[in-house]
Amino acid sequence: MDQNQINQVKAVIETYYSLDIEKLIADAYKDQKDLAAVKIGEFSAIELVESLNKVFVQFKEELNTTYAKSLPFQYNFQNEFGSGNLHSDLNQIIEYIQGNQFSNIPPYLNRIIHYQAINGFWEKSKRKYFSPKDRSFAKEAERIDIVSKHLESLLGESSNFFASLTQKEEELDNFIKQKKSHLSEIESLLVAARQHASEINELNSKSATLTEKISVLSETSAEKEESISELLATINKQQSESKNSSFGVHFQRIPPIRH
């Protein structure tokens, strides 16, 4: 690689260290209880983080040595790892991390691991700046970091859940209070309705009594009307007979005419 190419790769590495890969993975799989059981390609979630950290830290170390200019920028492995260039592959990994598309990372990560392996710096324990003790400590620190951040995500989800649950309880309490108020109003209306029903029943009873009285009066009135009609008929008959009788008397008193 020339210096310009080295600078391009270094810029990608700096971008990687500006990301919190442990937290991003922990947040992405916060619904999973065990990150070691989460499979991302042939890696577990924890193995993916460990491998990414290993790849980038080793590039960071190698690019600060004179050996960096001897490393190839482009490569064609003529096997299942295919071909590419260092800046493009590393940058693609960064983009997938930023987009939470972790399932797309393994093919690029495997090619980069193969790149480091054939260029002699994948096994960092063989290099003087990595002691076996440091390697073991760093690996455990990475595991603790990602597990602790995963736990933080789980706790954050739990806090959100309990906050949501508290809000739901408050909403339920308000709903119950509102329904109790409605029930109280309904009970008041029911008492008023019962009172109105009683009044209506009483009015119906009175109305039935009045109807009965009116019926009786109507019958009595009809009988009286019939009696009056009969009486009027009798009076009219008597008057008629009386007139006829008076006319006969006057007629007999007229003297006969003499010639």
Protein backbone atom coordinates (compact mmCIF):
# COMPACT_ATOMS: atom_id res chain seq x y z
CA MET A 1 0.00 0.00 0.00
CA ASP A 2 1.11 3.55 -0.61
CA GLN A 3 0.66 6.25 2.03
CA ASN A 4 -2.60 7.51 0.55
CA GLN A 5 -4.10 4.02 0.70
CA ILE A 6 -2.83 3.60 4.27
CA ASN A 7 -4.51 6.86 5.24
CA GLN A 8 -7.79 5.72 3.68
CA VAL A 9 -7.73 2.51 5.72
CA LYS A 10 -6.76 4.38 8.89
CA ALA A 11 -9.77 6.70 8.41
CA VAL A 12 -12.09 3.68 8.25
CA ILE A 13 -10.49 2.26 11.39
CA GLU A 14 -11.04 5.54 13.24
CA THR A 15 -14.68 5.43 12.21
CA TYR A 16 -14.95 1.93 13.67
CA TYR A 17 -13.58 3.15 17.01
CA SER A 18 -16.11 5.98 17.05
CA LEU A 19 -18.83 3.31 17.12
CA ASP A 20 -19.81 1.39 20.22
CA ILE A 21 -20.06 -2.05 18.61
CA GLU A 22 -20.84 -3.76 21.93
CA LYS A 23 -23.80 -1.48 22.63
CA LEU A 24 -25.06 -1.66 19.05
CA ILE A 25 -25.06 -5.46 19.14
CA ALA A 26 -26.60 -5.48 22.63
CA ASP A 27 -29.39 -3.13 21.52
CA ALA A 28 -30.01 -5.02 18.27
CA TYR A 29 -30.53 -8.28 20.14
CA LYS A 30 -32.00 -6.94 23.38
CA ASP A 31 -34.91 -9.35 23.07
CA GLN A 32 -32.51 -12.29 23.34
CA LYS A 33 -31.48 -13.44 26.79
CA ASP A 34 -28.17 -15.04 25.75
CA LEU A 35 -26.01 -13.33 23.12
CA ALA A 36 -23.83 -16.43 22.87
CA ALA A 37 -26.88 -18.26 21.48
CA VAL A 38 -27.58 -15.59 18.84
CA LYS A 39 -26.23 -16.73 15.47
CA ILE A 40 -25.01 -14.21 12.89
CA GLY A 41 -23.80 -16.35 10.02
CA GLU A 42 -21.31 -18.82 11.47
CA PHE A 43 -20.56 -16.47 14.37
CA SER A 44 -22.38 -16.01 17.64
CA ALA A 45 -23.11 -12.39 18.49
CA ILE A 46 -20.25 -12.39 20.99
CA GLU A 47 -17.85 -14.05 18.53
CA LEU A 48 -18.74 -11.46 15.89
CA VAL A 49 -17.86 -8.59 18.23
CA GLU A 50 -14.63 -10.29 19.32
CA SER A 51 -13.58 -10.96 15.72
CA LEU A 52 -14.39 -7.41 14.60
CA ASN A 53 -12.44 -5.92 17.50
CA LYS A 54 -9.53 -8.25 16.77
CA VAL A 55 -9.48 -7.37 13.07
CA PHE A 56 -9.54 -3.61 13.62
CA VAL A 57 -7.11 -3.50 16.53
CA GLN A 58 -4.61 -5.58 14.55
CA PHE A 59 -4.96 -3.32 11.51
CA LYS A 60 -4.45 -0.33 13.78
CA GLU A 61 -1.21 -1.81 15.10
CA GLU A 62 0.09 -3.01 11.72
CA LEU A 63 -0.59 0.26 9.92
CA ASN A 64 1.60 2.07 12.44
CA THR A 65 4.62 -0.06 11.51
CA THR A 66 6.93 0.07 8.52
CA TYR A 67 5.46 -3.28 7.52
CA ALA A 68 2.24 -1.47 6.47
CA LYS A 69 3.66 -0.49 3.07
CA SER A 70 4.30 -4.15 2.31
CA LEU A 71 0.64 -5.07 2.84
CA PRO A 72 -1.51 -5.39 -0.31
CA PHE A 73 -4.35 -2.93 -0.83
CA GLN A 74 -6.11 -5.08 -3.41
CA TYR A 75 -6.41 -8.86 -3.36
CA ASN A 76 -7.83 -11.76 -5.32
CA PHE A 77 -7.70 -14.94 -3.28
CA GLN A 78 -9.06 -17.17 -6.06
CA ASN A 79 -11.09 -19.16 -3.52
CA GLU A 80 -14.39 -18.83 -1.68
CA PHE A 81 -13.24 -15.50 -0.18
CA GLY A 82 -13.16 -13.85 -3.61
CA SER A 83 -11.50 -10.51 -4.32
CA GLY A 84 -11.69 -6.92 -3.14
CA ASN A 85 -9.67 -4.10 -1.69
CA LEU A 86 -8.96 -3.27 1.93
CA HIS A 87 -10.67 0.12 2.08
CA SER A 88 -13.84 -1.08 0.34
CA ASP A 89 -14.25 -4.21 2.49
CA LEU A 90 -13.62 -2.45 5.79
CA ASN A 91 -15.86 0.44 4.82
CA GLN A 92 -18.64 -1.99 3.88
CA ILE A 93 -18.40 -3.56 7.32
CA ILE A 94 -18.72 -0.10 8.89
CA GLU A 95 -21.82 0.67 6.83
CA TYR A 96 -23.47 -2.59 7.86
CA ILE A 97 -22.71 -1.85 11.52
CA GLN A 98 -24.15 1.65 11.26
CA GLY A 99 -27.26 0.25 9.56
CA ASN A 100 -27.70 -2.56 12.14
CA GLN A 101 -27.36 -5.06 9.28
CA PHE A 102 -25.13 -7.43 11.18
CA SER A 103 -26.21 -10.51 9.22
CA ASN A 104 -24.45 -9.07 6.13
CA ILE A 105 -21.08 -8.72 7.86
CA PRO A 106 -19.73 -12.34 8.02
CA PRO A 107 -18.65 -12.70 4.33
CA TYR A 108 -16.62 -9.47 4.52
CA LEU A 109 -15.26 -10.30 7.95
CA ASN A 110 -14.12 -13.75 6.82
CA ARG A 111 -12.31 -12.25 3.84
CA ILE A 112 -10.54 -9.74 6.08
CA ILE A 113 -9.58 -12.49 8.54
CA HIS A 114 -8.18 -14.51 5.62
CA TYR A 115 -6.28 -11.38 4.51
CA GLN A 116 -4.67 -11.02 7.94
CA ALA A 117 -3.95 -14.74 8.16
CA ILE A 118 -2.10 -14.98 4.84
CA ASN A 119 -0.23 -11.76 5.65
CA GLY A 120 0.95 -13.16 8.98
CA PHE A 121 -0.75 -11.04 11.62
CA TRP A 122 -4.07 -12.76 12.39
CA GLU A 123 -2.64 -14.58 15.42
CA LYS A 124 -1.67 -11.58 17.47
CA SER A 125 -0.31 -13.72 20.31
CA LYS A 126 2.70 -14.40 18.09
CA ARG A 127 3.51 -10.70 17.89
CA LYS A 128 5.67 -9.06 20.53
CA TYR A 129 3.15 -6.34 21.33
CA PHE A 130 0.54 -8.96 22.33
CA SER A 131 1.38 -11.20 25.27
CA PRO A 132 -0.78 -14.29 26.02
CA LYS A 133 -1.81 -12.67 29.30
CA ASP A 134 -2.88 -9.46 27.55
CA ARG A 135 -4.76 -11.45 24.93
CA SER A 136 -6.67 -13.44 27.56
CA PHE A 137 -7.44 -10.32 29.55
CA ALA A 138 -8.59 -8.37 26.47
CA LYS A 139 -10.82 -11.24 25.37
CA GLU A 140 -12.47 -11.51 28.77
CA ALA A 141 -12.82 -7.73 28.95
CA GLU A 142 -14.59 -7.75 25.58
CA ARG A 143 -16.98 -10.47 26.72
CA ILE A 144 -17.71 -8.65 29.97
CA ASP A 145 -18.24 -5.38 28.09
CA ILE A 146 -20.71 -6.78 25.58
CA VAL A 147 -22.56 -8.85 28.21
CA SER A 148 -22.81 -5.85 30.55
CA LYS A 149 -24.13 -3.65 27.73
CA HIS A 150 -26.58 -6.35 26.78
CA LEU A 151 -27.75 -6.42 30.39
CA GLU A 152 -28.09 -2.62 30.28
CA SER A 153 -30.28 -2.95 27.19
CA LEU A 154 -32.38 -5.60 28.91
CA LEU A 155 -32.69 -3.40 32.00
CA GLY A 156 -33.57 -0.44 29.80
CA GLU A 157 -36.29 -2.50 28.17
CA SER A 158 -37.50 -3.62 31.59
CA SER A 159 -37.58 -0.02 32.80
CA ASN A 160 -39.52 1.01 29.72
CA PHE A 161 -41.87 -1.93 30.25
CA PHE A 162 -42.49 -1.05 33.90
CA ALA A 163 -42.92 2.62 33.01
CA SER A 164 -45.43 1.60 30.35
CA LEU A 165 -47.09 -0.72 32.87
CA THR A 166 -47.35 2.11 35.40
CA GLN A 167 -48.87 4.34 32.74
CA LYS A 168 -51.34 1.60 31.82
CA GLU A 169 -52.25 1.19 35.51
CA GLU A 170 -52.91 4.93 35.77
CA GLU A 171 -55.00 4.82 32.62
CA LEU A 172 -56.90 1.84 34.04
CA ASP A 173 -57.48 3.67 37.34
CA ASN A 174 -58.77 6.71 35.47
CA PHE A 175 -60.97 4.46 33.34
CA ILE A 176 -62.38 2.76 36.45
CA LYS A 177 -63.02 6.13 38.12
CA GLN A 178 -64.73 7.37 34.97
CA LYS A 179 -66.88 4.25 34.76
CA LYS A 180 -67.76 4.53 38.47
CA SER A 181 -68.86 8.11 37.84
CA HIS A 182 -70.95 6.93 34.89
CA LEU A 183 -72.37 4.14 37.05
CA SER A 184 -73.30 6.65 39.75
CA GLU A 185 -75.05 8.78 37.13
CA ILE A 186 -76.86 5.71 35.81
CA GLU A 187 -77.96 4.77 39.34
CA SER A 188 -79.29 8.30 39.87
CA LEU A 189 -81.11 8.13 36.56
CA LEU A 190 -82.44 4.70 37.50
CA VAL A 191 -83.87 6.08 40.78
CA ALA A 192 -85.46 8.96 38.88
CA ALA A 193 -86.76 6.54 36.25
CA ARG A 194 -88.28 4.34 38.94
CA GLN A 195 -89.92 7.39 40.51
CA HIS A 196 -91.24 8.47 37.12
CA ALA A 197 -92.48 4.93 36.49
CA SER A 198 -94.29 5.00 39.83
CA GLU A 199 -95.86 8.34 38.95
CA ILE A 200 -96.83 7.01 35.53
CA ASN A 201 -98.37 3.91 37.11
CA GLU A 202 -100.29 6.12 39.50
CA LEU A 203 -101.50 8.31 36.65
CA ASN A 204 -102.47 5.20 34.70
CA SER A 205 -104.44 3.96 37.71
CA LYS A 206 -106.19 7.31 38.07
CA SER A 207 -106.81 7.39 34.35
CA ALA A 208 -108.36 3.93 34.50
CA THR A 209 -110.62 5.06 37.36
CA LEU A 210 -111.63 8.19 35.48
CA THR A 211 -112.25 6.14 32.37
CA GLU A 212 -114.49 3.85 34.33
CA LYS A 213 -116.36 6.83 35.81
CA ILE A 214 -116.70 8.41 32.40
CA SER A 215 -118.03 5.14 31.05
CA VAL A 216 -120.59 4.96 33.84
CA LEU A 217 -121.57 8.58 33.29
CA SER A 218 -121.83 7.95 29.60
CA GLU A 219 -124.14 5.03 30.16
CA THR A 220 -126.23 7.07 32.62
CA SER A 221 -126.33 9.96 30.20
CA ALA A 222 -127.49 7.64 27.44
CA GLU A 223 -130.24 6.25 29.66
CA LYS A 224 -131.35 9.74 30.64
CA GLU A 225 -131.26 10.84 27.05
CA GLU A 226 -133.47 7.90 26.14
CA SER A 227 -135.89 8.75 28.99
CA ILE A 228 -136.00 12.37 27.89
CA SER A 229 -136.64 11.30 24.33
CA GLU A 230 -139.49 9.11 25.49
CA LEU A 231 -140.87 11.92 27.65
CA LEU A 232 -140.66 14.38 24.76
CA ALA A 233 -142.43 11.90 22.56
CA THR A 234 -145.22 11.51 25.12
CA ILE A 235 -145.52 15.30 25.52
CA ASN A 236 -145.64 15.77 21.78
CA LYS A 237 -148.32 13.12 21.50
CA GLN A 238 -150.35 14.67 24.27
CA GLN A 239 -150.04 18.11 22.70
CA SER A 240 -151.16 16.75 19.38
CA GLU A 241 -154.13 15.01 20.89
CA SER A 242 -154.97 18.14 22.84
CA LYS A 243 -154.99 20.27 19.67
CA ASN A 244 -157.22 17.82 17.83
CA SER A 245 -159.67 17.75 20.72
CA SER A 246 -159.92 21.57 20.90
CA PHE A 247 -160.53 21.81 17.15
CA GLY A 248 -163.48 19.46 17.36
CA VAL A 249 -165.15 21.43 20.08
CA HIS A 250 -165.00 24.71 18.17
CA PHE A 251 -166.29 23.05 15.07
CA GLN A 252 -169.48 21.83 16.82
CA ARG A 253 -170.35 25.34 18.15
CA ILE A 254 -170.79 26.93 14.70
CA PRO A 255 -174.55 27.37 13.96
CA PRO A 256 -176.09 25.93 10.85
CA ILE A 257 -176.79 28.29 7.93
CA ARG A 258 -180.46 29.03 7.16
CA HIS A 259 -181.87 29.84 3.77
